[in-house]
N, C-alpha and C. Protein backbone atom coordinates (compact mmCIF):
# COMPACT_ATOMS: atom_id res chain seq x y z
N MET A 1 14.72 -5.74 0.74
CA MET A 1 15.16 -4.46 -0.21
C MET A 1 15.07 -3.20 0.68
N CYS A 2 14.38 -3.06 1.23
CA CYS A 2 14.05 -1.62 2.60
C CYS A 2 15.25 -1.39 2.60
N PRO A 3 16.10 -2.28 3.41
CA PRO A 3 17.19 -2.03 4.45
C PRO A 3 18.56 -1.76 3.22
N ILE A 4 18.24 -2.01 1.97
CA ILE A 4 19.48 -1.94 1.13
C ILE A 4 18.81 -0.69 0.59
N ALA A 5 18.04 -0.22 0.05
CA ALA A 5 17.36 0.96 -0.49
C ALA A 5 17.69 2.06 0.70
N ALA A 6 17.88 1.79 1.95
CA ALA A 6 17.82 2.72 2.69
C ALA A 6 19.27 2.68 2.88
N GLY A 7 20.43 2.21 3.01
CA GLY A 7 21.55 1.74 3.18
C GLY A 7 22.28 2.97 1.88
N VAL A 8 21.82 2.40 0.65
CA VAL A 8 21.99 3.36 -0.45
C VAL A 8 21.69 4.46 -0.58
N ALA A 9 21.08 5.01 0.04
CA ALA A 9 21.02 5.98 0.42
C ALA A 9 21.15 7.15 1.23
N LYS A 10 21.18 6.50 2.68
CA LYS A 10 22.81 6.80 3.56
C LYS A 10 24.05 6.87 2.99
N THR A 11 24.42 5.78 1.82
CA THR A 11 25.49 6.10 1.65
C THR A 11 25.85 7.20 0.58
N LEU A 12 24.92 7.77 0.34
CA LEU A 12 25.00 8.48 -1.05
C LEU A 12 24.56 10.10 -0.08
N GLU A 13 24.44 10.17 0.96
CA GLU A 13 24.10 10.92 1.87
C GLU A 13 22.39 12.13 1.25
N VAL A 14 21.42 11.07 0.85
CA VAL A 14 20.76 11.63 0.22
C VAL A 14 19.30 10.89 0.76
N SER A 15 17.72 11.91 0.73
CA SER A 15 16.78 11.25 0.98
C SER A 15 16.35 9.87 0.97
N THR A 16 15.98 9.20 2.06
CA THR A 16 15.58 7.70 1.72
C THR A 16 14.46 7.27 1.25
N ASP A 17 13.24 8.86 1.22
CA ASP A 17 12.29 8.30 0.32
C ASP A 17 12.26 7.97 -1.02
N PRO A 18 12.70 8.81 -2.00
CA PRO A 18 12.82 8.11 -2.98
C PRO A 18 13.36 6.67 -3.46
N PHE A 19 14.03 6.30 -2.17
CA PHE A 19 14.34 5.24 -2.73
C PHE A 19 13.16 4.22 -2.24
N LEU A 20 12.83 4.44 -0.60
CA LEU A 20 11.95 2.97 -0.31
C LEU A 20 10.73 3.81 -1.38
N MET A 21 10.28 4.41 -1.94
CA MET A 21 9.51 4.67 -2.70
C MET A 21 9.17 3.56 -3.91
N ALA A 22 10.66 3.41 -4.74
CA ALA A 22 11.40 2.69 -5.54
C ALA A 22 10.42 1.56 -4.93
N VAL A 23 10.93 1.15 -4.27
CA VAL A 23 10.92 -0.44 -3.93
C VAL A 23 9.51 -0.38 -3.65
N ALA A 24 8.58 0.56 -3.09
CA ALA A 24 6.98 0.00 -2.93
C ALA A 24 6.63 -0.56 -4.05
N ILE A 25 7.00 0.53 -4.87
CA ILE A 25 6.21 0.72 -6.15
C ILE A 25 6.62 -0.85 -6.78
N GLY A 26 8.13 -1.37 -6.71
CA GLY A 26 8.46 -2.26 -7.78
C GLY A 26 7.73 -3.55 -7.28
N ALA A 27 7.91 -3.47 -5.22
CA ALA A 27 6.64 -5.03 -4.71
C ALA A 27 5.59 -4.45 -5.67
N SER A 28 4.87 -3.94 -5.61
CA SER A 28 3.31 -4.01 -6.07
C SER A 28 3.49 -4.60 -7.21
N CYS A 29 4.27 -3.82 -8.43
CA CYS A 29 4.03 -4.79 -9.62
C CYS A 29 4.05 -5.76 -9.53
N ALA A 30 4.23 -6.95 -8.86
CA ALA A 30 4.04 -8.33 -8.58
C ALA A 30 3.02 -8.69 -9.60
N PHE A 31 1.49 -7.96 -9.35
CA PHE A 31 0.68 -8.14 -9.65
C PHE A 31 0.52 -8.29 -11.41
N LEU A 32 1.64 -7.73 -12.19
CA LEU A 32 1.30 -7.31 -13.35
C LEU A 32 1.86 -8.57 -14.19
N THR A 33 2.37 -9.73 -13.59
CA THR A 33 2.58 -10.76 -14.39
C THR A 33 2.00 -11.90 -13.72
N PRO A 34 2.17 -13.33 -14.49
CA PRO A 34 1.84 -14.41 -13.56
C PRO A 34 2.81 -15.04 -12.94
N VAL A 35 3.76 -14.41 -13.15
CA VAL A 35 5.14 -15.14 -12.65
C VAL A 35 5.62 -14.20 -11.23
N GLY A 36 4.86 -13.16 -11.47
CA GLY A 36 5.14 -12.57 -9.97
C GLY A 36 4.93 -12.92 -8.82
N HIS A 37 4.10 -13.78 -8.42
CA HIS A 37 3.49 -14.42 -7.59
C HIS A 37 3.30 -16.12 -7.70
N GLN A 38 3.67 -16.52 -6.65
CA GLN A 38 2.77 -18.08 -7.00
C GLN A 38 1.64 -18.86 -7.07
N SER A 39 0.20 -17.67 -6.62
CA SER A 39 -0.66 -17.96 -6.22
C SER A 39 -1.35 -17.42 -8.23
N ASN A 40 -0.10 -16.69 -8.46
CA ASN A 40 -1.06 -16.48 -9.72
C ASN A 40 -0.86 -17.57 -10.96
N THR A 41 0.61 -18.05 -10.72
CA THR A 41 1.02 -18.82 -11.46
C THR A 41 0.22 -20.51 -11.15
N LEU A 42 -0.09 -20.63 -9.94
CA LEU A 42 -0.88 -21.89 -10.00
C LEU A 42 -2.18 -21.49 -10.69
N VAL A 43 -2.75 -20.78 -10.57
CA VAL A 43 -4.12 -20.70 -11.03
C VAL A 43 -4.44 -20.17 -12.89
N MET A 44 -3.21 -19.99 -13.17
CA MET A 44 -2.55 -19.96 -14.65
C MET A 44 -3.57 -21.22 -15.51
N GLY A 45 -2.54 -22.19 -15.15
CA GLY A 45 -2.82 -23.41 -15.96
C GLY A 45 -4.44 -23.65 -15.98
N PRO A 46 -4.79 -24.28 -14.66
CA PRO A 46 -6.00 -24.40 -14.34
C PRO A 46 -7.16 -23.64 -14.84
N GLY A 47 -7.00 -22.20 -14.59
CA GLY A 47 -7.87 -21.33 -15.21
C GLY A 47 -7.50 -20.99 -16.70
N GLY A 48 -7.07 -21.72 -17.59
CA GLY A 48 -7.04 -21.23 -18.88
C GLY A 48 -6.13 -19.95 -18.91
N TYR A 49 -5.93 -19.01 -18.04
CA TYR A 49 -5.28 -17.42 -18.24
C TYR A 49 -3.99 -17.57 -19.34
N ARG A 50 -4.00 -16.52 -19.83
CA ARG A 50 -2.68 -16.30 -20.56
C ARG A 50 -2.17 -15.27 -20.02
N PHE A 51 -0.85 -14.70 -20.32
CA PHE A 51 0.48 -13.94 -19.98
C PHE A 51 -0.50 -12.67 -20.20
N ARG A 52 -1.59 -12.48 -21.43
CA ARG A 52 -1.87 -10.84 -21.19
C ARG A 52 -3.44 -11.32 -20.53
N ASP A 53 -3.44 -11.70 -20.12
CA ASP A 53 -4.67 -11.64 -19.58
C ASP A 53 -4.78 -10.86 -17.98
N TYR A 54 -3.37 -10.93 -17.13
CA TYR A 54 -3.04 -10.34 -16.00
C TYR A 54 -3.09 -9.23 -16.01
N TRP A 55 -2.76 -8.52 -17.47
CA TRP A 55 -2.20 -6.85 -17.46
C TRP A 55 -4.03 -6.28 -17.15
N PRO A 56 -5.21 -6.76 -17.95
CA PRO A 56 -6.39 -5.36 -17.41
C PRO A 56 -6.57 -5.23 -15.57
N LEU A 57 -6.84 -6.12 -15.09
CA LEU A 57 -6.83 -6.31 -13.63
C LEU A 57 -5.69 -6.26 -13.01
N ALA A 58 -4.60 -6.10 -13.47
CA ALA A 58 -3.47 -6.05 -12.42
C ALA A 58 -3.10 -4.46 -12.83
N CYS A 59 -3.82 -4.08 -13.78
CA CYS A 59 -2.87 -2.50 -14.15
C CYS A 59 -4.11 -1.74 -12.67
N ARG A 60 -5.39 -1.58 -13.31
CA ARG A 60 -6.16 -1.50 -11.80
C ARG A 60 -5.83 -1.60 -10.13
N CYS A 61 -4.83 -3.14 -10.62
CA CYS A 61 -4.79 -3.27 -8.67
C CYS A 61 -3.34 -2.00 -8.47
N ARG A 62 -2.84 -2.40 -9.28
CA ARG A 62 -1.41 -1.40 -9.61
C ARG A 62 -2.11 0.08 -9.20
N HIS A 63 -3.09 0.75 -9.97
CA HIS A 63 -3.37 1.86 -9.60
C HIS A 63 -3.53 2.12 -7.60
N TRP A 64 -4.90 0.95 -7.77
CA TRP A 64 -4.98 1.13 -6.77
C TRP A 64 -4.26 1.01 -4.95
N SER A 65 -3.07 0.19 -5.39
CA SER A 65 -2.40 0.03 -4.83
C SER A 65 -1.47 1.37 -4.54
N ALA A 66 -0.94 2.67 -5.62
CA ALA A 66 -0.36 3.17 -5.43
C ALA A 66 -1.20 4.38 -4.73
N GLY A 67 -2.19 4.52 -4.17
CA GLY A 67 -3.38 5.09 -3.81
C GLY A 67 -4.23 5.86 -4.69
N GLY A 68 -4.80 5.37 -5.86
CA GLY A 68 -5.14 5.89 -7.04
C GLY A 68 -7.23 6.07 -6.38
N ASP A 69 -7.48 6.69 -7.76
CA ASP A 69 -9.11 6.41 -6.81
C ASP A 69 -9.53 5.27 -7.12
N ARG A 70 -10.36 5.18 -6.33
CA ARG A 70 -11.01 4.05 -5.87
C ARG A 70 -12.69 3.55 -6.58
């Protein structure tokens, strides 16, 4: 996705930074749902997790990955 984002920014003749940041934030959102990553999906059934169980910890992980307080 980064090469595509950088190409779009170059075509529009604007800074690539916001486009690359959008890709990074979008990629970090894979924590937020059980279908965002295959490991999340694999543990969902055997662990007895529901879709909403991912949000509390995932929001913290997303905050940490964005450089928030630890």
